[in-house]
Each structure stands twice: as structure tokens, then as C-alpha cells.
Amino acid sequence: MSSMVGLGKKAFGAIAPKFAEVTDDVLFAGIWERENLSRRDRSLITVAALVALYRLEQLPFHLAKAREHGLTKEELAEAVTHLAFYAGWPAAASAMKLLDQD
């Protein structure tokens, strides 16, 4: 599994260098690398939060990372199905369309 460090600089470095630095150093090198949860678990949590908060712009990136971190498309679809009853049907339906593009 590859590290996500450096992705902040790639995505935001030209427009917001400090935001890119914090993304890489605090979020990706710090939070994502902590030992108490696996990357797989962190990906599942992140996808669930993005679906629940209807943050569709960030979802394709994190769906792809979730797949890299060992979650199957079927597991992600099951998680989104479960979330439909807690986050709302429209949020889940929109996420399913993005999952289908994965």
C-alpha cells in the first residue's frame, strides 16, 4: 500500500502551499499512518463520512483509495446501502453512481 503523503502538494501546492503542507504532514503522514486503525478501516470511515455529509467532490478520490486499501466494490456498496438509512437516500444514491464509475 502506497503512502498518500505528497498528494496534498500535488492537488493544492500551486494554489495553497500551506494547505498542501498540512494535508501531507498532518493528515496523510500523521492521522492516516497512526497504528490504531488500518488504512482499510480509515478508508471506510472516510467514505462513510463523505457520503453522510454529501461531499461528492471528494468521494471519487477516496473510493479509489478505499479500493487500494483493500475494500471491495461490494463492501463499499454495502456500506453505502447501510448509510442510506442514516444519511439519507439521495446521498446514498449519489454515492452509488460514483461507486459504479470506479
PDB file of N, CA and C in Angstrom:
ATOM      1  N   MET A   1       0.840  -1.182   0.000  1.00  0.00           N
ATOM      2  CA  MET A   1       0.000   0.000   0.000  1.00  0.00           C
ATOM      3  C   MET A   1       0.879   1.236   0.000  1.00  0.00           C
ATOM      4  N   SER A   2       0.625   2.109  -0.935  1.00  0.00           N
ATOM      5  CA  SER A   2       1.433   3.310  -1.043  1.00  0.00           C
ATOM      6  C   SER A   2       0.959   4.383  -0.076  1.00  0.00           C
ATOM      7  N   SER A   3       1.902   5.218   0.310  1.00  0.00           N
ATOM      8  CA  SER A   3       1.585   6.335   1.189  1.00  0.00           C
ATOM      9  C   SER A   3       0.821   7.397   0.410  1.00  0.00           C
ATOM     10  N   MET A   4       0.031   8.167   1.111  1.00  0.00           N
ATOM     11  CA  MET A   4      -0.704   9.255   0.479  1.00  0.00           C
ATOM     12  C   MET A   4       0.042  10.578   0.629  1.00  0.00           C
ATOM     13  N   VAL A   5       1.180  10.562   1.328  1.00  0.00           N
ATOM     14  CA  VAL A   5       1.983  11.767   1.503  1.00  0.00           C
ATOM     15  C   VAL A   5       2.450  12.250   0.132  1.00  0.00           C
ATOM     16  N   GLY A   6       2.295  13.526  -0.110  1.00  0.00           N
ATOM     17  CA  GLY A   6       2.663  14.115  -1.396  1.00  0.00           C
ATOM     18  C   GLY A   6       1.455  14.438  -2.249  1.00  0.00           C
ATOM     19  N   LEU A   7       0.333  13.779  -1.954  1.00  0.00           N
ATOM     20  CA  LEU A   7      -0.875  14.039  -2.729  1.00  0.00           C
ATOM     21  C   LEU A   7      -1.436  15.435  -2.448  1.00  0.00           C
ATOM     22  N   GLY A   8      -1.234  15.933  -1.237  1.00  0.00           N
ATOM     23  CA  GLY A   8      -1.668  17.290  -0.910  1.00  0.00           C
ATOM     24  C   GLY A   8      -0.928  18.312  -1.752  1.00  0.00           C
ATOM     25  N   LYS A   9       0.391  18.143  -1.852  1.00  0.00           N
ATOM     26  CA  LYS A   9       1.189  19.060  -2.668  1.00  0.00           C
ATOM     27  C   LYS A   9       0.764  18.991  -4.124  1.00  0.00           C
ATOM     28  N   LYS A  10       0.511  17.791  -4.595  1.00  0.00           N
ATOM     29  CA  LYS A  10       0.092  17.620  -5.990  1.00  0.00           C
ATOM     30  C   LYS A  10      -1.251  18.303  -6.254  1.00  0.00           C
ATOM     31  N   ALA A  11      -2.188  18.156  -5.323  1.00  0.00           N
ATOM     32  CA  ALA A  11      -3.532  18.699  -5.522  1.00  0.00           C
ATOM     33  C   ALA A  11      -3.634  20.195  -5.236  1.00  0.00           C
ATOM     34  N   PHE A  12      -2.919  20.652  -4.220  1.00  0.00           N
ATOM     35  CA  PHE A  12      -3.126  22.024  -3.732  1.00  0.00           C
ATOM     36  C   PHE A  12      -1.879  22.894  -3.715  1.00  0.00           C
ATOM     37  N   GLY A  13      -0.715  22.327  -3.996  1.00  0.00           N
ATOM     38  CA  GLY A  13       0.540  23.035  -3.821  1.00  0.00           C
ATOM     39  C   GLY A  13       0.665  24.337  -4.584  1.00  0.00           C
ATOM     40  N   ALA A  14       0.168  24.385  -5.795  1.00  0.00           N
ATOM     41  CA  ALA A  14       0.314  25.594  -6.605  1.00  0.00           C
ATOM     42  C   ALA A  14      -0.552  26.736  -6.102  1.00  0.00           C
ATOM     43  N   ILE A  15      -1.701  26.423  -5.560  1.00  0.00           N
ATOM     44  CA  ILE A  15      -2.626  27.475  -5.139  1.00  0.00           C
ATOM     45  C   ILE A  15      -2.561  27.769  -3.650  1.00  0.00           C
ATOM     46  N   ALA A  16      -2.288  26.756  -2.843  1.00  0.00           N
ATOM     47  CA  ALA A  16      -2.304  26.926  -1.385  1.00  0.00           C
ATOM     48  C   ALA A  16      -1.213  26.062  -0.756  1.00  0.00           C
ATOM     49  N   PRO A  17       0.038  26.520  -0.821  1.00  0.00           N
ATOM     50  CA  PRO A  17       1.155  25.710  -0.328  1.00  0.00           C
ATOM     51  C   PRO A  17       1.025  25.283   1.133  1.00  0.00           C
ATOM     52  N   LYS A  18       0.550  26.153   1.999  1.00  0.00           N
ATOM     53  CA  LYS A  18       0.420  25.790   3.419  1.00  0.00           C
ATOM     54  C   LYS A  18      -0.652  24.717   3.605  1.00  0.00           C
ATOM     55  N   PHE A  19      -1.783  24.857   2.911  1.00  0.00           N
ATOM     56  CA  PHE A  19      -2.841  23.842   2.975  1.00  0.00           C
ATOM     57  C   PHE A  19      -2.293  22.499   2.488  1.00  0.00           C
ATOM     58  N   ALA A  20      -1.515  22.523   1.412  1.00  0.00           N
ATOM     59  CA  ALA A  20      -0.898  21.301   0.894  1.00  0.00           C
ATOM     60  C   ALA A  20       0.038  20.689   1.925  1.00  0.00           C
ATOM     61  N   GLU A  21       0.833  21.529   2.582  1.00  0.00           N
ATOM     62  CA  GLU A  21       1.770  21.054   3.600  1.00  0.00           C
ATOM     63  C   GLU A  21       1.032  20.404   4.767  1.00  0.00           C
ATOM     64  N   VAL A  22      -0.009  21.045   5.256  1.00  0.00           N
ATOM     65  CA  VAL A  22      -0.778  20.499   6.376  1.00  0.00           C
ATOM     66  C   VAL A  22      -1.470  19.199   5.959  1.00  0.00           C
ATOM     67  N   THR A  23      -1.994  19.176   4.749  1.00  0.00           N
ATOM     68  CA  THR A  23      -2.629  17.959   4.238  1.00  0.00           C
ATOM     69  C   THR A  23      -1.641  16.800   4.262  1.00  0.00           C
ATOM     70  N   ASP A  24      -0.443  17.036   3.729  1.00  0.00           N
ATOM     71  CA  ASP A  24       0.556  15.974   3.669  1.00  0.00           C
ATOM     72  C   ASP A  24       1.122  15.614   5.039  1.00  0.00           C
ATOM     73  N   ASP A  25       1.506  16.633   5.817  1.00  0.00           N
ATOM     74  CA  ASP A  25       2.216  16.384   7.070  1.00  0.00           C
ATOM     75  C   ASP A  25       1.307  15.958   8.219  1.00  0.00           C
ATOM     76  N   VAL A  26       0.163  16.593   8.339  1.00  0.00           N
ATOM     77  CA  VAL A  26      -0.722  16.297   9.471  1.00  0.00           C
ATOM     78  C   VAL A  26      -1.716  15.189   9.113  1.00  0.00           C
ATOM     79  N   LEU A  27      -2.447  15.381   8.024  1.00  0.00           N
ATOM     80  CA  LEU A  27      -3.485  14.400   7.679  1.00  0.00           C
ATOM     81  C   LEU A  27      -2.889  13.092   7.159  1.00  0.00           C
ATOM     82  N   PHE A  28      -2.132  13.165   6.076  1.00  0.00           N
ATOM     83  CA  PHE A  28      -1.660  11.934   5.443  1.00  0.00           C
ATOM     84  C   PHE A  28      -0.489  11.283   6.187  1.00  0.00           C
ATOM     85  N   ALA A  29       0.491  12.056   6.628  1.00  0.00           N
ATOM     86  CA  ALA A  29       1.636  11.460   7.335  1.00  0.00           C
ATOM     87  C   ALA A  29       1.331  11.208   8.806  1.00  0.00           C
ATOM     88  N   GLY A  30       0.421  11.981   9.371  1.00  0.00           N
ATOM     89  CA  GLY A  30       0.095  11.838  10.786  1.00  0.00           C
ATOM     90  C   GLY A  30      -1.105  10.949  11.022  1.00  0.00           C
ATOM     91  N   ILE A  31      -2.267  11.446  10.745  1.00  0.00           N
ATOM     92  CA  ILE A  31      -3.520  10.734  11.053  1.00  0.00           C
ATOM     93  C   ILE A  31      -3.623   9.405  10.310  1.00  0.00           C
ATOM     94  N   TRP A  32      -3.392   9.414   8.998  1.00  0.00           N
ATOM     95  CA  TRP A  32      -3.556   8.183   8.217  1.00  0.00           C
ATOM     96  C   TRP A  32      -2.535   7.111   8.565  1.00  0.00           C
ATOM     97  N   GLU A  33      -1.425   7.469   9.168  1.00  0.00           N
ATOM     98  CA  GLU A  33      -0.368   6.500   9.485  1.00  0.00           C
ATOM     99  C   GLU A  33      -0.409   6.009  10.928  1.00  0.00           C
ATOM    100  N   ARG A  34      -1.346   6.492  11.719  1.00  0.00           N
ATOM    101  CA  ARG A  34      -1.449   6.014  13.102  1.00  0.00           C
ATOM    102  C   ARG A  34      -1.779   4.526  13.108  1.00  0.00           C
ATOM    103  N   GLU A  35      -1.322   3.827  14.137  1.00  0.00           N
ATOM    104  CA  GLU A  35      -1.411   2.366  14.163  1.00  0.00           C
ATOM    105  C   GLU A  35      -2.727   1.796  14.681  1.00  0.00           C
ATOM    106  N   ASN A  36      -3.542   2.569  15.346  1.00  0.00           N
ATOM    107  CA  ASN A  36      -4.737   2.010  15.990  1.00  0.00           C
ATOM    108  C   ASN A  36      -5.852   1.624  15.024  1.00  0.00           C
ATOM    109  N   LEU A  37      -5.803   2.143  13.814  1.00  0.00           N
ATOM    110  CA  LEU A  37      -6.743   1.728  12.764  1.00  0.00           C
ATOM    111  C   LEU A  37      -5.955   1.451  11.495  1.00  0.00           C
ATOM    112  N   SER A  38      -6.388   0.472  10.751  1.00  0.00           N
ATOM    113  CA  SER A  38      -5.739   0.180   9.473  1.00  0.00           C
ATOM    114  C   SER A  38      -6.154   1.224   8.432  1.00  0.00           C
ATOM    115  N   ARG A  39      -5.404   1.294   7.348  1.00  0.00           N
ATOM    116  CA  ARG A  39      -5.805   2.190   6.248  1.00  0.00           C
ATOM    117  C   ARG A  39      -7.165   1.770   5.696  1.00  0.00           C
ATOM    118  N   ARG A  40      -7.404   0.474   5.673  1.00  0.00           N
ATOM    119  CA  ARG A  40      -8.696  -0.031   5.204  1.00  0.00           C
ATOM    120  C   ARG A  40      -9.825   0.543   6.061  1.00  0.00           C
ATOM    121  N   ASP A  41      -9.670   0.456   7.376  1.00  0.00           N
ATOM    122  CA  ASP A  41     -10.688   0.991   8.289  1.00  0.00           C
ATOM    123  C   ASP A  41     -10.825   2.497   8.133  1.00  0.00           C
ATOM    124  N   ARG A  42      -9.702   3.189   8.022  1.00  0.00           N
ATOM    125  CA  ARG A  42      -9.748   4.644   7.852  1.00  0.00           C
ATOM    126  C   ARG A  42     -10.444   5.012   6.550  1.00  0.00           C
ATOM    127  N   SER A  43     -10.209   4.238   5.507  1.00  0.00           N
ATOM    128  CA  SER A  43     -10.885   4.498   4.239  1.00  0.00           C
ATOM    129  C   SER A  43     -12.390   4.304   4.355  1.00  0.00           C
ATOM    130  N   LEU A  44     -12.793   3.243   5.034  1.00  0.00           N
ATOM    131  CA  LEU A  44     -14.227   3.000   5.215  1.00  0.00           C
ATOM    132  C   LEU A  44     -14.876   4.142   6.001  1.00  0.00           C
ATOM    133  N   ILE A  45     -14.210   4.590   7.053  1.00  0.00           N
ATOM    134  CA  ILE A  45     -14.724   5.700   7.855  1.00  0.00           C
ATOM    135  C   ILE A  45     -14.808   6.967   7.004  1.00  0.00           C
ATOM    136  N   THR A  46     -13.780   7.223   6.230  1.00  0.00           N
ATOM    137  CA  THR A  46     -13.745   8.431   5.399  1.00  0.00           C
ATOM    138  C   THR A  46     -14.848   8.411   4.360  1.00  0.00           C
ATOM    139  N   VAL A  47     -15.022   7.278   3.683  1.00  0.00           N
ATOM    140  CA  VAL A  47     -16.093   7.161   2.691  1.00  0.00           C
ATOM    141  C   VAL A  47     -17.444   7.364   3.361  1.00  0.00           C
ATOM    142  N   ALA A  48     -17.650   6.766   4.516  1.00  0.00           N
ATOM    143  CA  ALA A  48     -18.925   6.922   5.227  1.00  0.00           C
ATOM    144  C   ALA A  48     -19.180   8.387   5.575  1.00  0.00           C
ATOM    145  N   ALA A  49     -18.166   9.077   6.052  1.00  0.00           N
ATOM    146  CA  ALA A  49     -18.330  10.490   6.397  1.00  0.00           C
ATOM    147  C   ALA A  49     -18.633  11.326   5.158  1.00  0.00           C
ATOM    148  N   LEU A  50     -17.942  11.058   4.069  1.00  0.00           N
ATOM    149  CA  LEU A  50     -18.181  11.827   2.843  1.00  0.00           C
ATOM    150  C   LEU A  50     -19.582  11.585   2.288  1.00  0.00           C
ATOM    151  N   VAL A  51     -20.046  10.341   2.352  1.00  0.00           N
ATOM    152  CA  VAL A  51     -21.410  10.041   1.909  1.00  0.00           C
ATOM    153  C   VAL A  51     -22.415  10.753   2.809  1.00  0.00           C
ATOM    154  N   ALA A  52     -22.244  10.615   4.117  1.00  0.00           N
ATOM    155  CA  ALA A  52     -23.178  11.195   5.073  1.00  0.00           C
ATOM    156  C   ALA A  52     -23.228  12.713   4.960  1.00  0.00           C
ATOM    157  N   LEU A  53     -22.099  13.333   4.676  1.00  0.00           N
ATOM    158  CA  LEU A  53     -22.041  14.788   4.568  1.00  0.00           C
ATOM    159  C   LEU A  53     -22.297  15.289   3.144  1.00  0.00           C
ATOM    160  N   TYR A  54     -22.545  14.358   2.232  1.00  0.00           N
ATOM    161  CA  TYR A  54     -22.833  14.673   0.826  1.00  0.00           C
ATOM    162  C   TYR A  54     -21.690  15.459   0.190  1.00  0.00           C
ATOM    163  N   ARG A  55     -20.479  14.984   0.422  1.00  0.00           N
ATOM    164  CA  ARG A  55     -19.277  15.619  -0.128  1.00  0.00           C
ATOM    165  C   ARG A  55     -18.837  14.849  -1.369  1.00  0.00           C
ATOM    166  N   LEU A  56     -19.620  14.963  -2.423  1.00  0.00           N
ATOM    167  CA  LEU A  56     -19.408  14.156  -3.622  1.00  0.00           C
ATOM    168  C   LEU A  56     -18.119  14.481  -4.361  1.00  0.00           C
ATOM    169  N   GLU A  57     -17.643  15.708  -4.251  1.00  0.00           N
ATOM    170  CA  GLU A  57     -16.429  16.083  -4.980  1.00  0.00           C
ATOM    171  C   GLU A  57     -15.217  15.295  -4.482  1.00  0.00           C
ATOM    172  N   GLN A  58     -15.162  15.030  -3.197  1.00  0.00           N
ATOM    173  CA  GLN A  58     -14.035  14.304  -2.610  1.00  0.00           C
ATOM    174  C   GLN A  58     -14.205  12.783  -2.695  1.00  0.00           C
ATOM    175  N   LEU A  59     -15.412  12.332  -2.946  1.00  0.00           N
ATOM    176  CA  LEU A  59     -15.708  10.901  -2.879  1.00  0.00           C
ATOM    177  C   LEU A  59     -14.970  10.054  -3.914  1.00  0.00           C
ATOM    178  N   PRO A  60     -14.844  10.444  -5.189  1.00  0.00           N
ATOM    179  CA  PRO A  60     -14.130   9.570  -6.140  1.00  0.00           C
ATOM    180  C   PRO A  60     -12.698   9.260  -5.719  1.00  0.00           C
ATOM    181  N   PHE A  61     -11.985  10.263  -5.231  1.00  0.00           N
ATOM    182  CA  PHE A  61     -10.617  10.043  -4.764  1.00  0.00           C
ATOM    183  C   PHE A  61     -10.603   9.017  -3.639  1.00  0.00           C
ATOM    184  N   HIS A  62     -11.504   9.182  -2.667  1.00  0.00           N
ATOM    185  CA  HIS A  62     -11.487   8.303  -1.509  1.00  0.00           C
ATOM    186  C   HIS A  62     -12.067   6.927  -1.809  1.00  0.00           C
ATOM    187  N   LEU A  63     -12.949   6.821  -2.768  1.00  0.00           N
ATOM    188  CA  LEU A  63     -13.405   5.493  -3.201  1.00  0.00           C
ATOM    189  C   LEU A  63     -12.243   4.725  -3.824  1.00  0.00           C
ATOM    190  N   ALA A  64     -11.463   5.404  -4.649  1.00  0.00           N
ATOM    191  CA  ALA A  64     -10.297   4.759  -5.266  1.00  0.00           C
ATOM    192  C   ALA A  64      -9.280   4.352  -4.199  1.00  0.00           C
ATOM    193  N   LYS A  65      -9.037   5.232  -3.227  1.00  0.00           N
ATOM    194  CA  LYS A  65      -8.114   4.893  -2.148  1.00  0.00           C
ATOM    195  C   LYS A  65      -8.649   3.724  -1.316  1.00  0.00           C
ATOM    196  N   ALA A  66      -9.951   3.695  -1.089  1.00  0.00           N
ATOM    197  CA  ALA A  66     -10.547   2.586  -0.340  1.00  0.00           C
ATOM    198  C   ALA A  66     -10.297   1.261  -1.060  1.00  0.00           C
ATOM    199  N   ARG A  67     -10.410   1.265  -2.373  1.00  0.00           N
ATOM    200  CA  ARG A  67     -10.136   0.055  -3.158  1.00  0.00           C
ATOM    201  C   ARG A  67      -8.662  -0.326  -3.030  1.00  0.00           C
ATOM    202  N   GLU A  68      -7.765   0.675  -3.106  1.00  0.00           N
ATOM    203  CA  GLU A  68      -6.328   0.415  -2.933  1.00  0.00           C
ATOM    204  C   GLU A  68      -6.033  -0.146  -1.549  1.00  0.00           C
ATOM    205  N   HIS A  69      -6.816   0.281  -0.562  1.00  0.00           N
ATOM    206  CA  HIS A  69      -6.589  -0.140   0.818  1.00  0.00           C
ATOM    207  C   HIS A  69      -7.324  -1.435   1.165  1.00  0.00           C
ATOM    208  N   GLY A  70      -7.880  -2.102   0.161  1.00  0.00           N
ATOM    209  CA  GLY A  70      -8.398  -3.444   0.378  1.00  0.00           C
ATOM    210  C   GLY A  70      -9.897  -3.606   0.439  1.00  0.00           C
ATOM    211  N   LEU A  71     -10.658  -2.535   0.344  1.00  0.00           N
ATOM    212  CA  LEU A  71     -12.122  -2.667   0.328  1.00  0.00           C
ATOM    213  C   LEU A  71     -12.580  -3.046  -1.070  1.00  0.00           C
ATOM    214  N   THR A  72     -13.502  -3.962  -1.149  1.00  0.00           N
ATOM    215  CA  THR A  72     -14.040  -4.354  -2.446  1.00  0.00           C
ATOM    216  C   THR A  72     -15.188  -3.431  -2.836  1.00  0.00           C
ATOM    217  N   LYS A  73     -15.508  -3.442  -4.110  1.00  0.00           N
ATOM    218  CA  LYS A  73     -16.645  -2.651  -4.581  1.00  0.00           C
ATOM    219  C   LYS A  73     -17.934  -3.119  -3.891  1.00  0.00           C
ATOM    220  N   GLU A  74     -18.042  -4.422  -3.659  1.00  0.00           N
ATOM    221  CA  GLU A  74     -19.224  -4.978  -2.987  1.00  0.00           C
ATOM    222  C   GLU A  74     -19.319  -4.492  -1.538  1.00  0.00           C
ATOM    223  N   GLU A  75     -18.190  -4.443  -0.849  1.00  0.00           N
ATOM    224  CA  GLU A  75     -18.194  -3.939   0.531  1.00  0.00           C
ATOM    225  C   GLU A  75     -18.565  -2.458   0.578  1.00  0.00           C
ATOM    226  N   LEU A  76     -18.049  -1.685  -0.354  1.00  0.00           N
ATOM    227  CA  LEU A  76     -18.380  -0.262  -0.400  1.00  0.00           C
ATOM    228  C   LEU A  76     -19.855  -0.060  -0.730  1.00  0.00           C
ATOM    229  N   ALA A  77     -20.384  -0.860  -1.654  1.00  0.00           N
ATOM    230  CA  ALA A  77     -21.806  -0.770  -1.983  1.00  0.00           C
ATOM    231  C   ALA A  77     -22.656  -1.131  -0.770  1.00  0.00           C
ATOM    232  N   GLU A  78     -22.234  -2.115  -0.016  1.00  0.00           N
ATOM    233  CA  GLU A  78     -22.967  -2.499   1.194  1.00  0.00           C
ATOM    234  C   GLU A  78     -22.926  -1.384   2.231  1.00  0.00           C
ATOM    235  N   ALA A  79     -21.769  -0.752   2.377  1.00  0.00           N
ATOM    236  CA  ALA A  79     -21.651   0.363   3.320  1.00  0.00           C
ATOM    237  C   ALA A  79     -22.568   1.520   2.906  1.00  0.00           C
ATOM    238  N   VAL A  80     -22.594   1.835   1.627  1.00  0.00           N
ATOM    239  CA  VAL A  80     -23.452   2.924   1.138  1.00  0.00           C
ATOM    240  C   VAL A  80     -24.918   2.553   1.303  1.00  0.00           C
ATOM    241  N   THR A  81     -25.264   1.308   1.053  1.00  0.00           N
ATOM    242  CA  THR A  81     -26.643   0.851   1.274  1.00  0.00           C
ATOM    243  C   THR A  81     -27.036   1.039   2.727  1.00  0.00           C
ATOM    244  N   HIS A  82     -26.164   0.673   3.627  1.00  0.00           N
ATOM    245  CA  HIS A  82     -26.410   0.849   5.061  1.00  0.00           C
ATOM    246  C   HIS A  82     -26.577   2.329   5.401  1.00  0.00           C
ATOM    247  N   LEU A  83     -25.726   3.145   4.816  1.00  0.00           N
ATOM    248  CA  LEU A  83     -25.779   4.588   5.075  1.00  0.00           C
ATOM    249  C   LEU A  83     -27.060   5.241   4.571  1.00  0.00           C
ATOM    250  N   ALA A  84     -27.708   4.638   3.601  1.00  0.00           N
ATOM    251  CA  ALA A  84     -28.943   5.225   3.066  1.00  0.00           C
ATOM    252  C   ALA A  84     -29.966   5.458   4.169  1.00  0.00           C
ATOM    253  N   PHE A  85     -29.960   4.602   5.163  1.00  0.00           N
ATOM    254  CA  PHE A  85     -30.946   4.702   6.238  1.00  0.00           C
ATOM    255  C   PHE A  85     -30.525   5.666   7.341  1.00  0.00           C
ATOM    256  N   TYR A  86     -29.280   6.106   7.315  1.00  0.00           N
ATOM    257  CA  TYR A  86     -28.774   7.029   8.328  1.00  0.00           C
ATOM    258  C   TYR A  86     -28.425   8.399   7.738  1.00  0.00           C
ATOM    259  N   ALA A  87     -27.940   8.402   6.507  1.00  0.00           N
ATOM    260  CA  ALA A  87     -27.500   9.651   5.868  1.00  0.00           C
ATOM    261  C   ALA A  87     -28.517  10.171   4.868  1.00  0.00           C
ATOM    262  N   GLY A  88     -29.460   9.332   4.479  1.00  0.00           N
ATOM    263  CA  GLY A  88     -30.480   9.742   3.525  1.00  0.00           C
ATOM    264  C   GLY A  88     -30.323   9.049   2.181  1.00  0.00           C
ATOM    265  N   TRP A  89     -31.463   8.800   1.583  1.00  0.00           N
ATOM    266  CA  TRP A  89     -31.493   8.098   0.305  1.00  0.00           C
ATOM    267  C   TRP A  89     -30.781   8.865  -0.810  1.00  0.00           C
ATOM    268  N   PRO A  90     -31.010  10.185  -0.946  1.00  0.00           N
ATOM    269  CA  PRO A  90     -30.327  10.912  -2.019  1.00  0.00           C
ATOM    270  C   PRO A  90     -28.802  10.867  -1.895  1.00  0.00           C
ATOM    271  N   ALA A  91     -28.284  10.966  -0.692  1.00  0.00           N
ATOM    272  CA  ALA A  91     -26.838  10.896  -0.501  1.00  0.00           C
ATOM    273  C   ALA A  91     -26.307   9.534  -0.932  1.00  0.00           C
ATOM    274  N   ALA A  92     -27.002   8.484  -0.553  1.00  0.00           N
ATOM    275  CA  ALA A  92     -26.582   7.129  -0.910  1.00  0.00           C
ATOM    276  C   ALA A  92     -26.708   6.892  -2.416  1.00  0.00           C
ATOM    277  N   ALA A  93     -27.797   7.339  -3.002  1.00  0.00           N
ATOM    278  CA  ALA A  93     -27.996   7.151  -4.446  1.00  0.00           C
ATOM    279  C   ALA A  93     -26.909   7.874  -5.238  1.00  0.00           C
ATOM    280  N   SER A  94     -26.543   9.067  -4.813  1.00  0.00           N
ATOM    281  CA  SER A  94     -25.482   9.809  -5.494  1.00  0.00           C
ATOM    282  C   SER A  94     -24.135   9.107  -5.332  1.00  0.00           C
ATOM    283  N   ALA A  95     -23.875   8.590  -4.152  1.00  0.00           N
ATOM    284  CA  ALA A  95     -22.626   7.863  -3.913  1.00  0.00           C
ATOM    285  C   ALA A  95     -22.567   6.588  -4.745  1.00  0.00           C
ATOM    286  N   MET A  96     -23.692   5.895  -4.878  1.00  0.00           N
ATOM    287  CA  MET A  96     -23.719   4.659  -5.677  1.00  0.00           C
ATOM    288  C   MET A  96     -23.334   4.942  -7.115  1.00  0.00           C
ATOM    289  N   LYS A  97     -23.799   6.060  -7.644  1.00  0.00           N
ATOM    290  CA  LYS A  97     -23.444   6.395  -9.030  1.00  0.00           C
ATOM    291  C   LYS A  97     -21.939   6.596  -9.165  1.00  0.00           C
ATOM    292  N   LEU A  98     -21.312   7.195  -8.158  1.00  0.00           N
ATOM    293  CA  LEU A  98     -19.871   7.383  -8.182  1.00  0.00           C
ATOM    294  C   LEU A  98     -19.134   6.066  -7.989  1.00  0.00           C
ATOM    295  N   LEU A  99     -19.672   5.207  -7.165  1.00  0.00           N
ATOM    296  CA  LEU A  99     -19.075   3.890  -6.946  1.00  0.00           C
ATOM    297  C   LEU A  99     -19.119   3.075  -8.228  1.00  0.00           C
ATOM    298  N   ASP A 100     -20.170   3.233  -8.991  1.00  0.00           N
ATOM    299  CA  ASP A 100     -20.310   2.497 -10.248  1.00  0.00           C
ATOM    300  C   ASP A 100     -19.272   2.941 -11.276  1.00  0.00           C
ATOM    301  N   GLN A 101     -18.736   4.158 -11.144  1.00  0.00           N
ATOM    302  CA  GLN A 101     -17.716   4.669 -12.066  1.00  0.00           C
ATOM    303  C   GLN A 101     -16.336   4.144 -11.704  1.00  0.00           C
ATOM    304  N   ASP A 102     -16.221   3.622 -10.503  1.00  0.00           N
ATOM    305  CA  ASP A 102     -14.926   3.151 -10.003  1.00  0.00           C
ATOM    306  C   ASP A 102     -14.476   1.925 -10.763  1.00  0.00           C
TER     307      ASP A 102
END
